[in-house]
Amino acid sequence: MASSSSTVIPQLHHYNTIKLTNSNYLLWQTQLLPILRSNNLYGLVDGTESCPPAEITVPGTTTRTPNPDYKHWVDRDQFVLSWINTSLSEAVLPIVVGHNTSASAWRAISDAFSASSHTHILQILMQLHNTKREDKPVATYLQELKYLADQLGDAGKLLSPPEFNAIVFNNIGSDFYPAIAALSSRPTPVSYPELLSVLTSEEIRLRAMQPTVQLPSAQLAQRDTNPSANFPRNGNSYHTNGGNLSRNGISHPNNHNSSANSFSNRNRHNFGTGSPSNPRCQICRQNGHYANRSSTLIATLLSELRCTFDIRHLGNLNYFLGIEIVYTTSGLILSQRRYILDILQKAAMTDAKPLATPLSTSL
């Protein structure tokens, strides 16, 4: 037995890659459970492999002698306990202070992170409903929701496939509405792998359909570098010869009046925006006035903008003064989670242990 334990125990040190923090309990547990089970050590942490007596009676006598199984059990249990302790971050380590067996420490960690309390479940539900795709890839977005749903199940409340899919459909974005409509019309709820496959394919299709936009600066450069754009297109050519202006070889005196008229005509032809003495309105595009001189035109423009961009068409309010708003059947849930996370990140306190507070779910 001693030789067996000495060969198994040292190997466990090579497995640990993730330290437990206040936000990754499920990943930490997922890493540890297969290791403990494959090395026949899980019975120590779940309590099924109880501690044998420290002494046993020698058969046929009343003499008490140390039990070798007890020493072997203690060696294995203390190794697992020390390994659990080294897998905890500094912020989580106080949870296991005073726990002298691996089963006691494991139970304390489980109670701290997977307690099925109403507040804990409510916090995870709020995170689920508040997690939006925004500009994240579909695969990343679904993985975030899946992780939160698994945390919720670990806390004692399993989400059904229709409930999970409804959260995805509600926050993934309007571009995916055709795919959502097709998935929602199925007689049975779509599974997570199929949901990931369909929405990822739709994401690729939408990305391929995005048009290529030509920058205005490129058009301007093309127009400015084309000399023929500033000259008439009727086949006539112009060039200067000394002080005269020649058109198709016919010379004309280049006096002051003809030069002024030529510049004035060319200016109106090329620019078309009116001179300071003949302004053009930016709204009605008529000459003789500017838009800021006509209160009637401004009022008409504002009225048309209100009709086109009605604030009532923007849907339910989501954010207001840093407060995130979630609509439920029983009322509203107000959350400052993102604002708080920004503060914790700037203060390098993301590992701080959360403190539950009473939350109001209705107005």
Protein backbone atom coordinates (compact mmCIF):
# COMPACT_ATOMS: atom_id res chain seq x y z
CA MET A 1 0.00 0.00 0.00
CA ALA A 2 2.75 2.47 0.90
CA SER A 3 4.59 1.83 -2.33
CA SER A 4 1.37 2.30 -4.30
CA SER A 5 0.65 5.65 -2.70
CA SER A 6 4.22 6.82 -3.24
CA THR A 7 3.89 6.20 -6.97
CA VAL A 8 0.47 7.82 -7.33
CA ILE A 9 0.75 10.88 -5.15
CA PRO A 10 3.75 12.66 -6.75
CA GLN A 11 2.13 12.46 -10.18
CA LEU A 12 -0.76 14.71 -9.15
CA HIS A 13 1.45 17.80 -8.96
CA HIS A 14 1.80 17.83 -12.73
CA TYR A 15 -1.95 18.18 -13.37
CA ASN A 16 -2.77 21.48 -11.68
CA THR A 17 -2.98 24.37 -14.19
CA ILE A 18 -5.87 26.54 -12.94
CA LYS A 19 -6.02 28.19 -9.52
CA LEU A 20 -9.44 28.70 -7.98
CA THR A 21 -10.64 32.32 -7.90
CA ASN A 22 -13.96 33.92 -7.08
CA SER A 23 -15.13 33.52 -10.68
CA ASN A 24 -13.87 30.17 -12.04
CA TYR A 25 -15.16 27.53 -9.60
CA LEU A 26 -16.75 25.42 -12.32
CA LEU A 27 -13.53 25.29 -14.38
CA TRP A 28 -11.49 24.47 -11.28
CA GLN A 29 -13.87 21.67 -10.28
CA THR A 30 -13.98 20.32 -13.84
CA GLN A 31 -10.18 20.08 -13.79
CA LEU A 32 -9.92 18.34 -10.41
CA LEU A 33 -12.68 15.72 -10.51
CA PRO A 34 -11.24 13.52 -13.30
CA ILE A 35 -7.80 13.61 -11.68
CA LEU A 36 -9.12 12.53 -8.29
CA ARG A 37 -11.30 9.79 -9.77
CA SER A 38 -8.60 8.38 -12.04
CA ASN A 39 -6.23 8.08 -9.06
CA ASN A 40 -8.83 6.54 -6.71
CA LEU A 41 -8.78 9.60 -4.47
CA TYR A 42 -12.28 10.99 -4.97
CA GLY A 43 -13.62 8.90 -2.08
CA LEU A 44 -11.45 10.98 0.25
CA VAL A 45 -13.07 14.30 -0.70
CA ASP A 46 -16.67 13.11 -0.96
CA GLY A 47 -16.48 11.28 2.40
CA THR A 48 -17.22 7.77 1.13
CA GLU A 49 -13.72 6.58 2.03
CA SER A 50 -13.85 7.17 5.77
CA CYS A 51 -10.87 7.23 8.07
CA PRO A 52 -10.02 3.79 9.56
CA PRO A 53 -9.27 3.44 13.29
CA ALA A 54 -5.80 4.44 14.42
CA GLU A 55 -5.31 1.13 16.28
CA ILE A 56 -6.49 -2.42 15.79
CA THR A 57 -6.55 -5.49 18.03
CA VAL A 58 -4.13 -8.27 17.22
CA PRO A 59 -6.19 -11.35 16.32
CA GLY A 60 -6.48 -13.84 19.20
CA THR A 61 -5.22 -11.32 21.76
CA THR A 62 -6.29 -8.17 23.53
CA THR A 63 -3.18 -6.30 22.41
CA ARG A 64 -3.69 -3.02 20.55
CA THR A 65 -1.34 -2.15 17.73
CA PRO A 66 -1.10 0.77 15.25
CA ASN A 67 -3.26 0.27 12.19
CA PRO A 68 -1.18 0.49 8.96
CA ASP A 69 -4.30 1.36 6.96
CA TYR A 70 -4.81 4.41 9.15
CA LYS A 71 -1.35 5.77 8.38
CA HIS A 72 -1.82 5.10 4.69
CA TRP A 73 -5.21 6.86 4.71
CA VAL A 74 -3.78 9.89 6.55
CA ASP A 75 -0.87 10.15 4.11
CA ARG A 76 -3.19 10.13 1.10
CA ASP A 77 -5.73 12.46 2.69
CA GLN A 78 -3.14 15.03 3.75
CA PHE A 79 -1.58 14.98 0.32
CA VAL A 80 -4.95 15.66 -1.33
CA LEU A 81 -5.61 18.42 1.22
CA SER A 82 -2.24 20.05 0.55
CA TRP A 83 -2.81 19.76 -3.18
CA ILE A 84 -6.24 21.41 -2.87
CA ASN A 85 -4.72 24.22 -0.82
CA THR A 86 -2.01 24.89 -3.40
CA SER A 87 -4.64 25.05 -6.14
CA LEU A 88 -6.40 28.00 -4.45
CA SER A 89 -5.67 31.64 -5.14
CA GLU A 90 -4.75 33.90 -2.25
CA ALA A 91 -8.23 35.44 -2.26
CA VAL A 92 -9.92 32.03 -1.83
CA LEU A 93 -7.46 30.37 0.57
CA PRO A 94 -9.14 31.75 3.76
CA ILE A 95 -12.17 29.54 3.01
CA VAL A 96 -10.26 26.38 3.98
CA VAL A 97 -8.54 27.76 7.08
CA GLY A 98 -9.25 25.41 10.01
CA HIS A 99 -10.24 22.43 7.82
CA ASN A 100 -7.88 19.53 8.54
CA THR A 101 -9.11 16.89 6.10
CA SER A 102 -9.57 16.94 2.35
CA ALA A 103 -13.29 16.15 2.71
CA SER A 104 -13.83 19.07 5.09
CA ALA A 105 -11.95 21.51 2.84
CA TRP A 106 -13.75 20.26 -0.28
CA ARG A 107 -17.13 20.69 1.39
CA ALA A 108 -16.26 24.23 2.54
CA ILE A 109 -15.29 25.24 -1.00
CA SER A 110 -18.41 23.64 -2.44
CA ASP A 111 -20.65 25.44 0.06
CA ALA A 112 -18.98 28.77 -0.69
CA PHE A 113 -19.31 28.61 -4.47
CA SER A 114 -22.22 26.33 -5.33
CA ALA A 115 -24.71 27.18 -2.62
CA SER A 116 -28.24 27.14 -4.06
CA SER A 117 -29.26 30.38 -2.37
CA HIS A 118 -31.78 32.72 -3.94
CA THR A 119 -29.28 35.56 -4.11
CA HIS A 120 -26.61 33.48 -5.82
CA ILE A 121 -29.07 32.16 -8.41
CA LEU A 122 -30.46 35.64 -9.02
CA GLN A 123 -26.97 37.05 -9.63
CA ILE A 124 -26.19 34.39 -12.24
CA LEU A 125 -29.57 34.88 -13.92
CA MET A 126 -28.92 38.62 -14.16
CA GLN A 127 -25.52 37.92 -15.74
CA LEU A 128 -27.15 35.58 -18.25
CA HIS A 129 -29.78 38.12 -19.29
CA ASN A 130 -27.28 40.99 -19.38
CA THR A 131 -24.64 39.25 -21.49
CA LYS A 132 -24.97 40.57 -25.04
CA ARG A 133 -23.03 39.59 -28.13
CA GLU A 134 -22.14 43.13 -29.27
CA ASP A 135 -19.09 42.73 -31.55
CA LYS A 136 -17.93 39.37 -30.13
CA PRO A 137 -17.77 36.27 -32.35
CA VAL A 138 -20.78 33.99 -32.05
CA ALA A 139 -18.67 31.14 -30.65
CA THR A 140 -17.27 33.36 -27.88
CA TYR A 141 -20.73 34.71 -27.02
CA LEU A 142 -22.30 31.24 -26.77
CA GLN A 143 -19.40 29.94 -24.68
CA GLU A 144 -19.91 32.77 -22.17
CA LEU A 145 -23.62 31.96 -21.87
CA LYS A 146 -22.93 28.21 -21.63
CA TYR A 147 -20.48 28.79 -18.78
CA LEU A 148 -23.02 30.90 -16.87
CA ALA A 149 -25.74 28.30 -17.50
CA ASP A 150 -23.44 25.58 -16.13
CA GLN A 151 -22.77 27.72 -13.05
CA LEU A 152 -26.52 28.09 -12.59
CA GLY A 153 -26.97 24.32 -12.79
CA ASP A 154 -24.19 23.84 -10.26
CA ALA A 155 -26.06 26.21 -7.94
CA GLY A 156 -29.14 23.99 -8.13
CA LYS A 157 -31.21 25.52 -10.96
CA LEU A 158 -30.95 23.86 -14.35
CA LEU A 159 -31.92 25.84 -17.45
CA SER A 160 -34.02 23.94 -19.96
CA PRO A 161 -32.97 24.13 -23.65
CA PRO A 162 -35.90 26.47 -24.52
CA GLU A 163 -34.93 28.82 -21.67
CA PHE A 164 -31.29 28.90 -22.74
CA ASN A 165 -32.18 29.39 -26.40
CA ALA A 166 -34.54 32.26 -25.52
CA ILE A 167 -31.69 34.11 -23.79
CA VAL A 168 -29.45 33.61 -26.82
CA PHE A 169 -32.13 34.73 -29.28
CA ASN A 170 -32.95 37.82 -27.23
CA ASN A 171 -29.38 39.18 -27.05
CA ILE A 172 -27.58 37.98 -30.16
CA GLY A 173 -28.70 40.87 -32.37
CA SER A 174 -31.29 41.71 -35.03
CA ASP A 175 -29.03 40.55 -37.89
CA PHE A 176 -29.69 36.96 -36.82
CA TYR A 177 -33.50 37.24 -36.75
CA PRO A 178 -34.02 35.13 -39.93
CA ALA A 179 -31.98 32.28 -38.45
CA ILE A 180 -33.74 32.70 -35.10
CA ALA A 181 -37.14 32.48 -36.80
CA ALA A 182 -36.13 29.24 -38.53
CA LEU A 183 -34.81 27.71 -35.30
CA SER A 184 -37.85 28.79 -33.30
CA SER A 185 -40.25 27.15 -35.75
CA ARG A 186 -38.83 23.68 -35.15
CA PRO A 187 -41.06 21.22 -33.26
CA THR A 188 -38.32 20.40 -30.73
CA PRO A 189 -35.77 22.74 -29.08
CA VAL A 190 -32.42 22.92 -30.84
CA SER A 191 -29.45 21.48 -28.95
CA TYR A 192 -26.42 23.56 -27.99
CA PRO A 193 -24.04 22.00 -30.58
CA GLU A 194 -26.55 22.55 -33.38
CA LEU A 195 -27.31 26.07 -32.14
CA LEU A 196 -23.60 26.88 -32.26
CA SER A 197 -23.27 25.41 -35.76
CA VAL A 198 -26.29 27.23 -37.25
CA LEU A 199 -25.49 30.64 -35.75
CA THR A 200 -21.81 30.40 -36.70
CA SER A 201 -22.78 29.61 -40.30
CA GLU A 202 -25.16 32.58 -40.28
CA GLU A 203 -22.36 34.79 -38.96
CA ILE A 204 -20.11 33.75 -41.85
CA ARG A 205 -22.91 34.42 -44.36
CA LEU A 206 -23.60 37.87 -42.93
CA ARG A 207 -19.92 38.77 -43.01
CA ALA A 208 -19.69 37.74 -46.67
CA MET A 209 -22.70 39.94 -47.54
CA GLN A 210 -21.20 43.13 -46.12
CA PRO A 211 -20.64 45.60 -49.00
CA THR A 212 -17.27 47.14 -49.76
CA VAL A 213 -17.50 50.88 -49.10
CA GLN A 214 -15.45 53.24 -51.31
CA LEU A 215 -13.98 56.05 -49.26
CA PRO A 216 -15.00 59.59 -50.29
CA SER A 217 -11.34 60.67 -50.20
CA ALA A 218 -10.56 58.23 -53.01
CA GLN A 219 -13.36 59.69 -55.14
CA LEU A 220 -12.14 63.21 -54.43
CA ALA A 221 -8.58 62.32 -55.40
CA GLN A 222 -9.79 60.75 -58.62
CA ARG A 223 -11.84 63.83 -59.49
CA ASP A 224 -9.02 66.27 -58.69
CA THR A 225 -6.43 64.34 -60.72
CA ASN A 226 -8.58 64.35 -63.87
CA PRO A 227 -7.80 67.61 -65.72
CA SER A 228 -10.60 67.14 -68.22
CA ALA A 229 -13.22 67.38 -65.47
CA ASN A 230 -12.70 71.16 -65.22
CA PHE A 231 -13.06 71.88 -68.93
CA PRO A 232 -15.99 71.77 -71.38
CA ARG A 233 -16.63 68.47 -73.16
CA ASN A 234 -17.83 69.88 -76.49
CA GLY A 235 -14.58 69.27 -78.35
CA ASN A 236 -13.32 72.87 -78.09
CA SER A 237 -9.82 73.45 -76.72
CA TYR A 238 -8.44 76.44 -74.86
CA HIS A 239 -4.88 77.69 -74.51
CA THR A 240 -3.12 80.96 -73.87
CA ASN A 241 -0.86 82.74 -76.31
CA GLY A 242 0.88 85.71 -74.81
CA GLY A 243 -1.79 87.97 -73.43
CA ASN A 244 -4.59 86.53 -75.58
CA LEU A 245 -6.97 83.62 -75.03
CA SER A 246 -7.11 81.30 -78.04
CA ARG A 247 -10.08 78.99 -78.83
CA ASN A 248 -9.57 76.58 -81.72
CA GLY A 249 -6.79 78.75 -83.06
CA ILE A 250 -8.80 82.00 -83.00
CA SER A 251 -7.17 84.69 -80.86
CA HIS A 252 -9.17 87.12 -78.76
CA PRO A 253 -7.94 90.12 -76.78
CA ASN A 254 -7.37 89.16 -73.16
CA ASN A 255 -8.60 92.39 -71.59
CA HIS A 256 -9.73 92.89 -68.02
CA ASN A 257 -13.47 92.51 -68.66
CA SER A 258 -13.19 89.31 -70.68
CA SER A 259 -10.89 87.76 -68.05
CA ALA A 260 -13.28 88.64 -65.27
CA ASN A 261 -16.25 87.23 -67.18
CA SER A 262 -14.30 84.06 -68.01
CA PHE A 263 -13.36 83.51 -64.34
CA SER A 264 -16.91 84.21 -63.18
CA ASN A 265 -18.45 81.76 -65.64
CA ARG A 266 -15.86 79.07 -64.86
CA ASN A 267 -16.36 79.55 -61.14
CA ARG A 268 -20.12 79.06 -61.41
CA HIS A 269 -19.65 76.07 -63.67
CA ASN A 270 -17.12 74.25 -61.47
CA PHE A 271 -18.29 74.97 -57.94
CA GLY A 272 -22.05 75.56 -58.12
CA THR A 273 -22.28 76.68 -54.50
CA GLY A 274 -22.87 80.37 -55.06
CA SER A 275 -20.68 83.32 -54.26
CA PRO A 276 -20.85 85.36 -51.04
CA SER A 277 -23.17 87.78 -52.82
CA ASN A 278 -25.43 84.93 -53.98
CA PRO A 279 -25.57 82.32 -51.14
CA ARG A 280 -27.22 78.91 -51.47
CA CYS A 281 -29.44 77.33 -48.78
CA GLN A 282 -28.17 74.05 -47.32
CA ILE A 283 -31.73 72.71 -46.92
CA CYS A 284 -33.79 73.76 -49.96
CA ARG A 285 -30.73 74.22 -52.24
CA GLN A 286 -32.08 77.52 -53.58
CA ASN A 287 -29.93 80.61 -54.11
CA GLY A 288 -30.38 83.85 -52.26
CA HIS A 289 -30.25 82.80 -48.60
CA TYR A 290 -28.62 80.50 -46.02
CA ALA A 291 -30.49 77.89 -43.95
CA ASN A 292 -29.85 79.67 -40.64
CA ARG A 293 -31.73 82.73 -41.90
CA SER A 294 -35.04 80.89 -42.30
CA SER A 295 -36.77 79.71 -39.13
CA THR A 296 -39.53 78.11 -41.22
CA LEU A 297 -37.09 75.83 -43.05
CA ILE A 298 -35.38 74.83 -39.80
CA ALA A 299 -38.72 74.01 -38.16
CA THR A 300 -39.73 71.91 -41.18
CA LEU A 301 -36.44 70.00 -41.09
CA LEU A 302 -36.74 69.27 -37.36
CA SER A 303 -40.30 68.06 -37.84
CA GLU A 304 -39.23 65.64 -40.56
CA LEU A 305 -36.37 64.35 -38.41
CA ARG A 306 -38.74 63.70 -35.51
CA CYS A 307 -41.01 61.68 -37.77
CA THR A 308 -38.12 59.68 -39.20
CA PHE A 309 -36.21 59.10 -35.95
CA ASP A 310 -38.99 58.64 -33.41
CA ILE A 311 -37.45 57.76 -30.03
CA ARG A 312 -40.36 55.42 -29.37
CA HIS A 313 -39.04 53.16 -32.12
CA LEU A 314 -35.79 52.52 -30.28
CA GLY A 315 -37.31 49.78 -28.08
CA ASN A 316 -36.98 49.28 -24.33
CA LEU A 317 -34.43 51.32 -22.42
CA ASN A 318 -31.27 49.28 -21.70
CA TYR A 319 -28.89 51.76 -20.06
CA PHE A 320 -29.41 55.00 -18.19
CA LEU A 321 -26.68 56.92 -16.29
CA GLY A 322 -24.51 53.80 -15.91
CA ILE A 323 -27.39 51.61 -14.70
CA GLU A 324 -28.24 48.54 -16.76
CA ILE A 325 -31.98 47.81 -17.01
CA VAL A 326 -33.39 44.30 -17.48
CA TYR A 327 -37.11 43.82 -18.11
CA THR A 328 -38.85 40.85 -16.49
CA THR A 329 -42.46 39.74 -16.20
CA SER A 330 -42.56 41.00 -12.61
CA GLY A 331 -40.87 44.35 -13.15
CA LEU A 332 -37.37 45.67 -13.70
CA ILE A 333 -33.91 44.59 -12.54
CA LEU A 334 -31.40 47.42 -12.16
CA SER A 335 -27.73 46.50 -12.26
CA GLN A 336 -24.45 48.41 -12.09
CA ARG A 337 -22.38 45.26 -12.67
CA ARG A 338 -20.38 46.59 -15.63
CA TYR A 339 -19.67 49.87 -13.87
CA ILE A 340 -18.50 47.97 -10.77
CA LEU A 341 -16.34 45.61 -12.84
CA ASP A 342 -14.63 48.59 -14.48
CA ILE A 343 -13.80 49.99 -11.02
CA LEU A 344 -12.48 46.62 -9.80
CA GLN A 345 -10.31 46.21 -12.90
CA LYS A 346 -8.81 49.68 -12.54
CA ALA A 347 -8.11 49.00 -8.86
CA ALA A 348 -6.69 45.51 -9.59
CA MET A 349 -9.33 43.98 -7.30
CA THR A 350 -11.10 41.60 -9.69
CA ASP A 351 -10.39 38.71 -7.28
CA ALA A 352 -12.25 40.42 -4.44
CA LYS A 353 -14.88 38.20 -2.85
CA PRO A 354 -18.43 39.42 -3.67
CA LEU A 355 -20.78 40.35 -0.84
CA ALA A 356 -24.44 39.52 -1.28
CA THR A 357 -26.88 42.41 -0.79
CA PRO A 358 -30.68 42.53 -0.93
CA LEU A 359 -31.86 43.01 -4.51
CA SER A 360 -35.23 44.37 -5.61
CA THR A 361 -36.72 42.67 -8.65
CA SER A 362 -39.77 44.90 -9.11
CA LEU A 363 -40.74 48.55 -8.78
